[in-house]
Full PDB file with SEQRES, HELIX, SHEET, SSBOND, CRYST1, ORIGX, SCALE, CONECT and MASTER records, all heavy atoms in Angstrom:
SEQRES   1 A   42  GLU PRO SER GLU ALA LYS ILE GLU GLU GLU ALA LYS ARG          
SEQRES   2 A   42  GLN GLY MET ILE THR MET LYS GLN ASP GLY ILE LEU LYS          
SEQRES   3 A   42  VAL LEU GLU GLY VAL SER SER ILE GLU GLU VAL LEU ARG          
SEQRES   4 A   42  MET ALA GLU                                                  
HELIX    1 AA1 GLU A    4  GLN A   14  1                                  11    
HELIX    2 AA2 MET A   19  LEU A   28  1                                  10    
HELIX    3 AA3 ILE A   34  ALA A   41  1                                   8    
CRYST1    1.000    1.000    1.000  90.00  90.00  90.00 P 1           1          
ORIGX1      1.000000  0.000000  0.000000        0.00000                         
ORIGX2      0.000000  1.000000  0.000000        0.00000                         
ORIGX3      0.000000  0.000000  1.000000        0.00000                         
SCALE1      1.000000  0.000000  0.000000        0.00000                         
SCALE2      0.000000  1.000000  0.000000        0.00000                         
SCALE3      0.000000  0.000000  1.000000        0.00000                         
ATOM      1  N   GLU A   1      -2.985  -9.892  91.743  1.00  0.00           N  
ATOM      2  CA  GLU A   1      -1.930  -8.950  91.317  1.00  0.00           C  
ATOM      3  C   GLU A   1      -2.551  -7.626  90.891  1.00  0.00           C  
ATOM      4  O   GLU A   1      -2.580  -7.321  89.708  1.00  0.00           O  
ATOM      5  CB  GLU A   1      -1.169  -9.503  90.110  1.00  0.00           C  
ATOM      6  CG  GLU A   1      -0.596 -10.875  90.232  1.00  0.00           C  
ATOM      7  CD  GLU A   1       0.046 -11.298  88.918  1.00  0.00           C  
ATOM      8  OE1 GLU A   1       0.959 -10.590  88.467  1.00  0.00           O  
ATOM      9  OE2 GLU A   1      -0.396 -12.296  88.353  1.00  0.00           O  
ATOM     10  N   PRO A   2      -3.034  -6.829  91.813  1.00  0.00           N  
ATOM     11  CA  PRO A   2      -3.745  -5.603  91.404  1.00  0.00           C  
ATOM     12  C   PRO A   2      -2.815  -4.468  90.950  1.00  0.00           C  
ATOM     13  O   PRO A   2      -2.774  -3.401  91.524  1.00  0.00           O  
ATOM     14  CB  PRO A   2      -4.519  -5.230  92.663  1.00  0.00           C  
ATOM     15  CG  PRO A   2      -3.689  -5.767  93.774  1.00  0.00           C  
ATOM     16  CD  PRO A   2      -3.053  -7.014  93.244  1.00  0.00           C  
ATOM     17  N   SER A   3      -2.052  -4.728  89.884  1.00  0.00           N  
ATOM     18  CA  SER A   3      -1.183  -3.681  89.355  1.00  0.00           C  
ATOM     19  C   SER A   3      -1.889  -2.956  88.214  1.00  0.00           C  
ATOM     20  O   SER A   3      -2.754  -3.526  87.535  1.00  0.00           O  
ATOM     21  CB  SER A   3       0.139  -4.269  88.857  1.00  0.00           C  
ATOM     22  OG  SER A   3      -0.065  -5.011  87.673  1.00  0.00           O  
ATOM     23  N   GLU A   4      -1.502  -1.726  88.011  1.00  0.00           N  
ATOM     24  CA  GLU A   4      -2.089  -0.927  86.930  1.00  0.00           C  
ATOM     25  C   GLU A   4      -1.847  -1.595  85.578  1.00  0.00           C  
ATOM     26  O   GLU A   4      -2.733  -1.632  84.723  1.00  0.00           O  
ATOM     27  CB  GLU A   4      -1.492   0.480  86.944  1.00  0.00           C  
ATOM     28  CG  GLU A   4      -2.134   1.425  85.961  1.00  0.00           C  
ATOM     29  CD  GLU A   4      -1.581   2.842  86.048  1.00  0.00           C  
ATOM     30  OE1 GLU A   4      -1.089   3.240  87.113  1.00  0.00           O  
ATOM     31  OE2 GLU A   4      -1.663   3.544  85.024  1.00  0.00           O  
ATOM     32  N   ALA A   5      -0.662  -2.150  85.385  1.00  0.00           N  
ATOM     33  CA  ALA A   5      -0.313  -2.788  84.117  1.00  0.00           C  
ATOM     34  C   ALA A   5      -1.211  -3.999  83.834  1.00  0.00           C  
ATOM     35  O   ALA A   5      -1.674  -4.193  82.707  1.00  0.00           O  
ATOM     36  CB  ALA A   5       1.153  -3.203  84.119  1.00  0.00           C  
ATOM     37  N   LYS A   6      -1.456  -4.821  84.839  1.00  0.00           N  
ATOM     38  CA  LYS A   6      -2.303  -6.013  84.664  1.00  0.00           C  
ATOM     39  C   LYS A   6      -3.756  -5.620  84.376  1.00  0.00           C  
ATOM     40  O   LYS A   6      -4.418  -6.227  83.543  1.00  0.00           O  
ATOM     41  CB  LYS A   6      -2.252  -6.905  85.906  1.00  0.00           C  
ATOM     42  CG  LYS A   6      -0.940  -7.610  86.091  1.00  0.00           C  
ATOM     43  CD  LYS A   6      -0.844  -8.766  85.147  1.00  0.00           C  
ATOM     44  CE  LYS A   6       0.398  -9.588  85.443  1.00  0.00           C  
ATOM     45  NZ  LYS A   6       0.623 -10.621  84.461  1.00  0.00           N  
ATOM     46  N   ILE A   7      -4.243  -4.611  85.070  1.00  0.00           N  
ATOM     47  CA  ILE A   7      -5.617  -4.150  84.849  1.00  0.00           C  
ATOM     48  C   ILE A   7      -5.741  -3.549  83.449  1.00  0.00           C  
ATOM     49  O   ILE A   7      -6.714  -3.803  82.747  1.00  0.00           O  
ATOM     50  CB  ILE A   7      -6.051  -3.163  85.954  1.00  0.00           C  
ATOM     51  CG1 ILE A   7      -6.137  -3.913  87.291  1.00  0.00           C  
ATOM     52  CG2 ILE A   7      -7.382  -2.497  85.603  1.00  0.00           C  
ATOM     53  CD1 ILE A   7      -6.325  -3.028  88.501  1.00  0.00           C  
ATOM     54  N   GLU A   8      -4.739  -2.786  83.036  1.00  0.00           N  
ATOM     55  CA  GLU A   8      -4.748  -2.207  81.692  1.00  0.00           C  
ATOM     56  C   GLU A   8      -4.712  -3.302  80.625  1.00  0.00           C  
ATOM     57  O   GLU A   8      -5.407  -3.223  79.605  1.00  0.00           O  
ATOM     58  CB  GLU A   8      -3.554  -1.267  81.518  1.00  0.00           C  
ATOM     59  CG  GLU A   8      -3.574  -0.487  80.227  1.00  0.00           C  
ATOM     60  CD  GLU A   8      -2.440   0.517  80.142  1.00  0.00           C  
ATOM     61  OE1 GLU A   8      -2.118   1.154  81.158  1.00  0.00           O  
ATOM     62  OE2 GLU A   8      -1.886   0.647  79.043  1.00  0.00           O  
ATOM     63  N   GLU A   9      -3.940  -4.336  80.858  1.00  0.00           N  
ATOM     64  CA  GLU A   9      -3.871  -5.464  79.932  1.00  0.00           C  
ATOM     65  C   GLU A   9      -5.236  -6.149  79.804  1.00  0.00           C  
ATOM     66  O   GLU A   9      -5.681  -6.483  78.705  1.00  0.00           O  
ATOM     67  CB  GLU A   9      -2.833  -6.464  80.464  1.00  0.00           C  
ATOM     68  CG  GLU A   9      -2.525  -7.622  79.555  1.00  0.00           C  
ATOM     69  CD  GLU A   9      -1.478  -8.534  80.179  1.00  0.00           C  
ATOM     70  OE1 GLU A   9      -0.409  -8.048  80.581  1.00  0.00           O  
ATOM     71  OE2 GLU A   9      -1.759  -9.750  80.259  1.00  0.00           O  
ATOM     72  N   GLU A  10      -5.923  -6.324  80.922  1.00  0.00           N  
ATOM     73  CA  GLU A  10      -7.262  -6.928  80.906  1.00  0.00           C  
ATOM     74  C   GLU A  10      -8.250  -6.010  80.191  1.00  0.00           C  
ATOM     75  O   GLU A  10      -9.105  -6.471  79.433  1.00  0.00           O  
ATOM     76  CB  GLU A  10      -7.739  -7.238  82.324  1.00  0.00           C  
ATOM     77  CG  GLU A  10      -9.178  -7.700  82.426  1.00  0.00           C  
ATOM     78  CD  GLU A  10      -9.526  -8.976  81.665  1.00  0.00           C  
ATOM     79  OE1 GLU A  10      -8.624  -9.717  81.241  1.00  0.00           O  
ATOM     80  OE2 GLU A  10     -10.731  -9.232  81.479  1.00  0.00           O  
ATOM     81  N   ALA A  11      -8.134  -4.705  80.410  1.00  0.00           N  
ATOM     82  CA  ALA A  11      -9.015  -3.743  79.730  1.00  0.00           C  
ATOM     83  C   ALA A  11      -8.843  -3.844  78.216  1.00  0.00           C  
ATOM     84  O   ALA A  11      -9.823  -3.851  77.469  1.00  0.00           O  
ATOM     85  CB  ALA A  11      -8.723  -2.326  80.218  1.00  0.00           C  
ATOM     86  N   LYS A  12      -7.610  -3.940  77.753  1.00  0.00           N  
ATOM     87  CA  LYS A  12      -7.348  -4.082  76.321  1.00  0.00           C  
ATOM     88  C   LYS A  12      -7.908  -5.399  75.797  1.00  0.00           C  
ATOM     89  O   LYS A  12      -8.458  -5.461  74.704  1.00  0.00           O  
ATOM     90  CB  LYS A  12      -5.843  -3.990  76.041  1.00  0.00           C  
ATOM     91  CG  LYS A  12      -5.320  -2.584  76.133  1.00  0.00           C  
ATOM     92  CD  LYS A  12      -3.858  -2.508  75.795  1.00  0.00           C  
ATOM     93  CE  LYS A  12      -3.369  -1.082  75.938  1.00  0.00           C  
ATOM     94  NZ  LYS A  12      -1.943  -0.952  75.676  1.00  0.00           N  
ATOM     95  N   ARG A  13      -7.754  -6.470  76.578  1.00  0.00           N  
ATOM     96  CA  ARG A  13      -8.286  -7.766  76.172  1.00  0.00           C  
ATOM     97  C   ARG A  13      -9.800  -7.701  75.998  1.00  0.00           C  
ATOM     98  O   ARG A  13     -10.360  -8.290  75.085  1.00  0.00           O  
ATOM     99  CB  ARG A  13      -7.912  -8.846  77.200  1.00  0.00           C  
ATOM    100  CG  ARG A  13      -8.235 -10.259  76.710  1.00  0.00           C  
ATOM    101  CD  ARG A  13      -8.224 -11.273  77.828  1.00  0.00           C  
ATOM    102  NE  ARG A  13      -9.298 -11.088  78.778  1.00  0.00           N  
ATOM    103  CZ  ARG A  13     -10.583 -11.389  78.569  1.00  0.00           C  
ATOM    104  NH1 ARG A  13     -10.979 -11.853  77.409  1.00  0.00           N  
ATOM    105  NH2 ARG A  13     -11.494 -11.206  79.513  1.00  0.00           N  
ATOM    106  N   GLN A  14     -10.455  -6.919  76.863  1.00  0.00           N  
ATOM    107  CA  GLN A  14     -11.909  -6.764  76.796  1.00  0.00           C  
ATOM    108  C   GLN A  14     -12.352  -5.868  75.631  1.00  0.00           C  
ATOM    109  O   GLN A  14     -13.518  -5.831  75.288  1.00  0.00           O  
ATOM    110  CB  GLN A  14     -12.450  -6.160  78.098  1.00  0.00           C  
ATOM    111  CG  GLN A  14     -12.495  -7.090  79.259  1.00  0.00           C  
ATOM    112  CD  GLN A  14     -13.183  -6.451  80.454  1.00  0.00           C  
ATOM    113  OE1 GLN A  14     -13.979  -5.514  80.315  1.00  0.00           O  
ATOM    114  NE2 GLN A  14     -12.887  -6.953  81.630  1.00  0.00           N  
ATOM    115  N   GLY A  15     -11.408  -5.110  75.056  1.00  0.00           N  
ATOM    116  CA  GLY A  15     -11.766  -4.195  73.977  1.00  0.00           C  
ATOM    117  C   GLY A  15     -12.282  -2.856  74.473  1.00  0.00           C  
ATOM    118  O   GLY A  15     -13.027  -2.176  73.772  1.00  0.00           O  
ATOM    119  N   MET A  16     -11.876  -2.481  75.693  1.00  0.00           N  
ATOM    120  CA  MET A  16     -12.320  -1.208  76.270  1.00  0.00           C  
ATOM    121  C   MET A  16     -11.680  -0.023  75.535  1.00  0.00           C  
ATOM    122  O   MET A  16     -10.524  -0.093  75.144  1.00  0.00           O  
ATOM    123  CB  MET A  16     -11.923  -1.144  77.747  1.00  0.00           C  
ATOM    124  CG  MET A  16     -12.434   0.091  78.450  1.00  0.00           C  
ATOM    125  SD  MET A  16     -11.718   0.274  80.095  1.00  0.00           S  
ATOM    126  CE  MET A  16     -10.248   1.204  79.701  1.00  0.00           C  
ATOM    127  N   ILE A  17     -12.468   1.018  75.339  1.00  0.00           N  
ATOM    128  CA  ILE A  17     -11.886   2.257  74.824  1.00  0.00           C  
ATOM    129  C   ILE A  17     -11.786   3.243  75.978  1.00  0.00           C  
ATOM    130  O   ILE A  17     -12.592   3.228  76.900  1.00  0.00           O  
ATOM    131  CB  ILE A  17     -12.689   2.861  73.640  1.00  0.00           C  
ATOM    132  CG1 ILE A  17     -14.090   3.284  74.053  1.00  0.00           C  
ATOM    133  CG2 ILE A  17     -12.747   1.897  72.483  1.00  0.00           C  
ATOM    134  CD1 ILE A  17     -14.821   4.059  72.983  1.00  0.00           C  
ATOM    135  N   THR A  18     -10.761   4.100  75.922  1.00  0.00           N  
ATOM    136  CA  THR A  18     -10.543   5.065  76.988  1.00  0.00           C  
ATOM    137  C   THR A  18     -11.467   6.270  76.805  1.00  0.00           C  
ATOM    138  O   THR A  18     -12.051   6.464  75.731  1.00  0.00           O  
ATOM    139  CB  THR A  18      -9.086   5.560  76.992  1.00  0.00           C  
ATOM    140  OG1 THR A  18      -8.850   6.294  75.775  1.00  0.00           O  
ATOM    141  CG2 THR A  18      -8.097   4.410  77.120  1.00  0.00           C  
ATOM    142  N   MET A  19     -11.567   7.084  77.843  1.00  0.00           N  
ATOM    143  CA  MET A  19     -12.377   8.304  77.740  1.00  0.00           C  
ATOM    144  C   MET A  19     -11.818   9.210  76.649  1.00  0.00           C  
ATOM    145  O   MET A  19     -12.585   9.824  75.903  1.00  0.00           O  
ATOM    146  CB  MET A  19     -12.424   9.034  79.086  1.00  0.00           C  
ATOM    147  CG  MET A  19     -13.312   8.328  80.062  1.00  0.00           C  
ATOM    148  SD  MET A  19     -13.609   9.086  81.675  1.00  0.00           S  
ATOM    149  CE  MET A  19     -12.900  10.659  81.661  1.00  0.00           C  
ATOM    150  N   LYS A  20     -10.503   9.284  76.543  1.00  0.00           N  
ATOM    151  CA  LYS A  20      -9.896  10.117  75.503  1.00  0.00           C  
ATOM    152  C   LYS A  20     -10.291   9.595  74.118  1.00  0.00           C  
ATOM    153  O   LYS A  20     -10.647  10.382  73.231  1.00  0.00           O  
ATOM    154  CB  LYS A  20      -8.377  10.137  75.657  1.00  0.00           C  
ATOM    155  CG  LYS A  20      -7.671  11.065  74.705  1.00  0.00           C  
ATOM    156  CD  LYS A  20      -6.192  11.108  75.014  1.00  0.00           C  
ATOM    157  CE  LYS A  20      -5.457  12.081  74.120  1.00  0.00           C  
ATOM    158  NZ  LYS A  20      -4.020  12.104  74.431  1.00  0.00           N  
ATOM    159  N   GLN A  21     -10.244   8.286  73.911  1.00  0.00           N  
ATOM    160  CA  GLN A  21     -10.623   7.712  72.625  1.00  0.00           C  
ATOM    161  C   GLN A  21     -12.103   7.948  72.328  1.00  0.00           C  
ATOM    162  O   GLN A  21     -12.460   8.273  71.194  1.00  0.00           O  
ATOM    163  CB  GLN A  21     -10.307   6.212  72.600  1.00  0.00           C  
ATOM    164  CG  GLN A  21      -8.827   5.911  72.556  1.00  0.00           C  
ATOM    165  CD  GLN A  21      -8.513   4.448  72.793  1.00  0.00           C  
ATOM    166  OE1 GLN A  21      -9.243   3.740  73.490  1.00  0.00           O  
ATOM    167  NE2 GLN A  21      -7.413   3.990  72.219  1.00  0.00           N  
ATOM    168  N   ASP A  22     -12.964   7.802  73.340  1.00  0.00           N  
ATOM    169  CA  ASP A  22     -14.385   8.076  73.149  1.00  0.00           C  
ATOM    170  C   ASP A  22     -14.588   9.545  72.767  1.00  0.00           C  
ATOM    171  O   ASP A  22     -15.389   9.862  71.891  1.00  0.00           O  
ATOM    172  CB  ASP A  22     -15.166   7.732  74.423  1.00  0.00           C  
ATOM    173  CG  ASP A  22     -16.675   7.799  74.225  1.00  0.00           C  
ATOM    174  OD1 ASP A  22     -17.152   7.462  73.124  1.00  0.00           O  
ATOM    175  OD2 ASP A  22     -17.374   8.182  75.181  1.00  0.00           O  
ATOM    176  N   GLY A  23     -13.833  10.431  73.412  1.00  0.00           N  
ATOM    177  CA  GLY A  23     -13.902  11.851  73.072  1.00  0.00           C  
ATOM    178  C   GLY A  23     -13.454  12.116  71.646  1.00  0.00           C  
ATOM    179  O   GLY A  23     -14.085  12.895  70.915  1.00  0.00           O  
ATOM    180  N   ILE A  24     -12.383  11.469  71.222  1.00  0.00           N  
ATOM    181  CA  ILE A  24     -11.885  11.631  69.842  1.00  0.00           C  
ATOM    182  C   ILE A  24     -12.949  11.176  68.849  1.00  0.00           C  
ATOM    183  O   ILE A  24     -13.164  11.826  67.815  1.00  0.00           O  
ATOM    184  CB  ILE A  24     -10.574  10.844  69.636  1.00  0.00           C  
ATOM    185  CG1 ILE A  24      -9.470  11.381  70.535  1.00  0.00           C  
ATOM    186  CG2 ILE A  24     -10.176  10.784  68.173  1.00  0.00           C  
ATOM    187  CD1 ILE A  24      -8.642  12.513  70.032  1.00  0.00           C  
ATOM    188  N   LEU A  25     -13.629  10.094  69.147  1.00  0.00           N  
ATOM    189  CA  LEU A  25     -14.702   9.635  68.256  1.00  0.00           C  
ATOM    190  C   LEU A  25     -15.807  10.682  68.173  1.00  0.00           C  
ATOM    191  O   LEU A  25     -16.372  10.921  67.100  1.00  0.00           O  
ATOM    192  CB  LEU A  25     -15.267   8.291  68.740  1.00  0.00           C  
ATOM    193  CG  LEU A  25     -14.312   7.099  68.640  1.00  0.00           C  
ATOM    194  CD1 LEU A  25     -14.917   5.859  69.292  1.00  0.00           C  
ATOM    195  CD2 LEU A  25     -13.918   6.824  67.201  1.00  0.00           C  
ATOM    196  N   LYS A  26     -16.100  11.352  69.282  1.00  0.00           N  
ATOM    197  CA  LYS A  26     -17.110  12.424  69.286  1.00  0.00           C  
ATOM    198  C   LYS A  26     -16.627  13.641  68.493  1.00  0.00           C  
ATOM    199  O   LYS A  26     -17.417  14.305  67.831  1.00  0.00           O  
ATOM    200  CB  LYS A  26     -17.489  12.790  70.719  1.00  0.00           C  
ATOM    201  CG  LYS A  26     -18.375  11.714  71.362  1.00  0.00           C  
ATOM    202  CD  LYS A  26     -18.717  12.032  72.782  1.00  0.00           C  
ATOM    203  CE  LYS A  26     -19.747  11.117  73.375  1.00  0.00           C  
ATOM    204  NZ  LYS A  26     -19.557   9.700  73.264  1.00  0.00           N  
ATOM    205  N   VAL A  27     -15.331  13.902  68.525  1.00  0.00           N  
ATOM    206  CA  VAL A  27     -14.766  14.996  67.721  1.00  0.00           C  
ATOM    207  C   VAL A  27     -14.947  14.671  66.239  1.00  0.00           C  
ATOM    208  O   VAL A  27     -15.353  15.531  65.452  1.00  0.00           O  
ATOM    209  CB  VAL A  27     -13.269  15.208  68.054  1.00  0.00           C  
ATOM    210  CG1 VAL A  27     -12.586  16.082  67.022  1.00  0.00           C  
ATOM    211  CG2 VAL A  27     -13.117  15.813  69.445  1.00  0.00           C  
ATOM    212  N   LEU A  28     -14.665  13.440  65.852  1.00  0.00           N  
ATOM    213  CA  LEU A  28     -14.802  13.045  64.449  1.00  0.00           C  
ATOM    214  C   LEU A  28     -16.253  13.094  63.984  1.00  0.00           C  
ATOM    215  O   LEU A  28     -16.521  13.303  62.805  1.00  0.00           O  
ATOM    216  CB  LEU A  28     -14.218  11.649  64.231  1.00  0.00           C  
ATOM    217  CG  LEU A  28     -12.702  11.556  64.393  1.00  0.00           C  
ATOM    218  CD1 LEU A  28     -12.246  10.106  64.347  1.00  0.00           C  
ATOM    219  CD2 LEU A  28     -11.986  12.382  63.338  1.00  0.00           C  
ATOM    220  N   GLU A  29     -17.197  12.921  64.918  1.00  0.00           N  
ATOM    221  CA  GLU A  29     -18.627  13.017  64.593  1.00  0.00           C  
ATOM    222  C   GLU A  29     -19.112  14.462  64.568  1.00  0.00           C  
ATOM    223  O   GLU A  29     -20.252  14.726  64.206  1.00  0.00           O  
ATOM    224  CB  GLU A  29     -19.448  12.244  65.624  1.00  0.00           C  
ATOM    225  CG  GLU A  29     -19.241  10.749  65.598  1.00  0.00           C  
ATOM    226  CD  GLU A  29     -19.859  10.040  66.796  1.00  0.00           C  
ATOM    227  OE1 GLU A  29     -20.544  10.696  67.614  1.00  0.00           O  
ATOM    228  OE2 GLU A  29     -19.651   8.829  66.921  1.00  0.00           O  
ATOM    229  N   GLY A  30     -18.268  15.412  64.988  1.00  0.00           N  
ATOM    230  CA  GLY A  30     -18.662  16.813  65.006  1.00  0.00           C  
ATOM    231  C   GLY A  30     -19.420  17.223  66.260  1.00  0.00           C  
ATOM    232  O   GLY A  30     -20.002  18.299  66.310  1.00  0.00           O  
ATOM    233  N   VAL A  31     -19.419  16.383  67.287  1.00  0.00           N  
ATOM    234  CA  VAL A  31     -20.137  16.679  68.529  1.00  0.00           C  
ATOM    235  C   VAL A  31     -19.423  17.738  69.348  1.00  0.00           C  
ATOM    236  O   VAL A  31     -20.049  18.613  69.943  1.00  0.00           O  
ATOM    237  CB  VAL A  31     -20.323  15.387  69.368  1.00  0.00           C  
ATOM    238  CG1 VAL A  31     -20.912  15.683  70.735  1.00  0.00           C  
ATOM    239  CG2 VAL A  31     -21.186  14.389  68.616  1.00  0.00           C  
ATOM    240  N   SER A  32     -18.087  17.646  69.409  1.00  0.00           N  
ATOM    241  CA  SER A  32     -17.317  18.583  70.228  1.00  0.00           C  
ATOM    242  C   SER A  32     -16.007  18.916  69.524  1.00  0.00           C  
ATOM    243  O   SER A  32     -15.707  18.386  68.456  1.00  0.00           O  
ATOM    244  CB  SER A  32     -17.049  17.982  71.615  1.00  0.00           C  
ATOM    245  OG  SER A  32     -16.578  18.977  72.498  1.00  0.00           O  
ATOM    246  N   SER A  33     -15.223  19.778  70.158  1.00  0.00           N  
ATOM    247  CA  SER A  33     -13.940  20.199  69.585  1.00  0.00           C  
ATOM    248  C   SER A  33     -12.806  19.388  70.196  1.00  0.00           C  
ATOM    249  O   SER A  33     -12.911  18.876  71.310  1.00  0.00           O  
ATOM    250  CB  SER A  33     -13.707  21.690  69.846  1.00  0.00           C  
ATOM    251  OG  SER A  33     -13.524  21.909  71.231  1.00  0.00           O  
ATOM    252  N   ILE A  34     -11.706  19.304  69.491  1.00  0.00           N  
ATOM    253  CA  ILE A  34     -10.540  18.581  69.994  1.00  0.00           C  
ATOM    254  C   ILE A  34     -10.009  19.249  71.255  1.00  0.00           C  
ATOM    255  O   ILE A  34      -9.573  18.574  72.196  1.00  0.00           O  
ATOM    256  CB  ILE A  34      -9.447  18.424  68.902  1.00  0.00           C  
ATOM    257  CG1 ILE A  34      -8.315  17.502  69.380  1.00  0.00           C  
ATOM    258  CG2 ILE A  34      -8.885  19.780  68.496  1.00  0.00           C  
ATOM    259  CD1 ILE A  34      -8.707  16.065  69.528  1.00  0.00           C  
ATOM    260  N   GLU A  35     -10.072  20.569  71.326  1.00  0.00           N  
ATOM    261  CA  GLU A  35      -9.599  21.288  72.516  1.00  0.00           C  
ATOM    262  C   GLU A  35     -10.409  20.883  73.748  1.00  0.00           C  
ATOM    263  O   GLU A  35      -9.859  20.707  74.829  1.00  0.00           O  
ATOM    264  CB  GLU A  35      -9.684  22.809  72.302  1.00  0.00           C  
ATOM    265  CG  GLU A  35      -8.727  23.353  71.258  1.00  0.00           C  
ATOM    266  CD  GLU A  35      -9.222  23.171  69.814  1.00  0.00           C  
ATOM    267  OE1 GLU A  35     -10.408  22.860  69.611  1.00  0.00           O  
ATOM    268  OE2 GLU A  35      -8.395  23.320  68.901  1.00  0.00           O  
ATOM    269  N   GLU A  36     -11.710  20.747  73.581  1.00  0.00           N  
ATOM    270  CA  GLU A  36     -12.581  20.359  74.686  1.00  0.00           C  
ATOM    271  C   GLU A  36     -12.264  18.943  75.148  1.00  0.00           C  
ATOM    272  O   GLU A  36     -12.192  18.672  76.345  1.00  0.00           O  
ATOM    273  CB  GLU A  36     -14.051  20.482  74.265  1.00  0.00           C  
ATOM    274  CG  GLU A  36     -15.036  20.132  75.342  1.00  0.00           C  
ATOM    275  CD  GLU A  36     -15.065  21.090  76.524  1.00  0.00           C  
ATOM    276  OE1 GLU A  36     -14.422  22.161  76.492  1.00  0.00           O  
ATOM    277  OE2 GLU A  36     -15.744  20.757  77.505  1.00  0.00           O  
ATOM    278  N   VAL A  37     -12.039  18.032  74.228  1.00  0.00           N  
ATOM    279  CA  VAL A  37     -11.728  16.649  74.585  1.00  0.00           C  
ATOM    280  C   VAL A  37     -10.370  16.574  75.280  1.00  0.00           C  
ATOM    281  O   VAL A  37     -10.215  15.882  76.293  1.00  0.00           O  
ATOM    282  CB  VAL A  37     -11.787  15.735  73.349  1.00  0.00           C  
ATOM    283  CG1 VAL A  37     -11.185  14.366  73.640  1.00  0.00           C  
ATOM    284  CG2 VAL A  37     -13.216  15.606  72.869  1.00  0.00           C  
ATOM    285  N   LEU A  38      -9.386  17.287  74.782  1.00  0.00           N  
ATOM    286  CA  LEU A  38      -8.065  17.273  75.422  1.00  0.00           C  
ATOM    287  C   LEU A  38      -8.128  17.895  76.810  1.00  0.00           C  
ATOM    288  O   LEU A  38      -7.456  17.421  77.727  1.00  0.00           O  
ATOM    289  CB  LEU A  38      -7.032  17.978  74.541  1.00  0.00           C  
ATOM    290  CG  LEU A  38      -6.742  17.272  73.204  1.00  0.00           C  
ATOM    291  CD1 LEU A  38      -5.761  18.086  72.383  1.00  0.00           C  
ATOM    292  CD2 LEU A  38      -6.250  15.853  73.422  1.00  0.00           C  
ATOM    293  N   ARG A  39      -8.929  18.922  76.980  1.00  0.00           N  
ATOM    294  CA  ARG A  39      -9.095  19.535  78.299  1.00  0.00           C  
ATOM    295  C   ARG A  39      -9.674  18.518  79.264  1.00  0.00           C  
ATOM    296  O   ARG A  39      -9.189  18.354  80.381  1.00  0.00           O  
ATOM    297  CB  ARG A  39     -10.003  20.762  78.210  1.00  0.00           C  
ATOM    298  CG  ARG A  39     -10.229  21.467  79.553  1.00  0.00           C  
ATOM    299  CD  ARG A  39     -11.391  22.456  79.498  1.00  0.00           C  
ATOM    300  NE  ARG A  39     -12.676  21.834  79.222  1.00  0.00           N  
ATOM    301  CZ  ARG A  39     -13.414  21.165  80.130  1.00  0.00           C  
ATOM    302  NH1 ARG A  39     -12.983  20.999  81.356  1.00  0.00           N  
ATOM    303  NH2 ARG A  39     -14.570  20.634  79.788  1.00  0.00           N  
ATOM    304  N   MET A  40     -10.690  17.798  78.836  1.00  0.00           N  
ATOM    305  CA  MET A  40     -11.341  16.798  79.676  1.00  0.00           C  
ATOM    306  C   MET A  40     -10.389  15.638  79.973  1.00  0.00           C  
ATOM    307  O   MET A  40     -10.280  15.179  81.092  1.00  0.00           O  
ATOM    308  CB  MET A  40     -12.599  16.279  78.984  1.00  0.00           C  
ATOM    309  CG  MET A  40     -13.306  15.110  79.647  1.00  0.00           C  
ATOM    310  SD  MET A  40     -12.691  13.428  79.308  1.00  0.00           S  
ATOM    311  CE  MET A  40     -12.582  13.356  77.557  1.00  0.00           C  
ATOM    312  N   ALA A  41      -9.670  15.176  78.957  1.00  0.00           N  
ATOM    313  CA  ALA A  41      -8.803  13.999  79.098  1.00  0.00           C  
ATOM    314  C   ALA A  41      -7.605  14.279  79.996  1.00  0.00           C  
ATOM    315  O   ALA A  41      -7.074  13.371  80.612  1.00  0.00           O  
ATOM    316  CB  ALA A  41      -8.344  13.524  77.728  1.00  0.00           C  
ATOM    317  N   GLU A  42      -7.179  15.531  80.078  1.00  0.00           N  
ATOM    318  CA  GLU A  42      -6.012  15.872  80.870  1.00  0.00           C  
ATOM    319  C   GLU A  42      -6.349  16.259  82.298  1.00  0.00           C  
ATOM    320  O   GLU A  42      -5.455  16.430  83.113  1.00  0.00           O  
ATOM    321  CB  GLU A  42      -5.212  16.967  80.172  1.00  0.00           C  
ATOM    322  CG  GLU A  42      -4.611  16.457  78.878  1.00  0.00           C  
ATOM    323  CD  GLU A  42      -4.000  17.558  78.019  1.00  0.00           C  
ATOM    324  OE1 GLU A  42      -4.026  18.726  78.435  1.00  0.00           O  
ATOM    325  OE2 GLU A  42      -3.505  17.223  76.936  1.00  0.00           O  
TER     326      GLU A  42                                                      
MASTER        0    0    0    3    0    0    0    6  325    1    0    4          
END                                                                             
């Protein structure tokens, strides 16, 4: 069943973080700006 919803469900089960979430963590560490992360994520 290669649906986006099923793959996303498996990703959550695995504890995967998204690129946007990884970027937000870098913003909180002072590595980059929120504008830069949102630009990349979009």
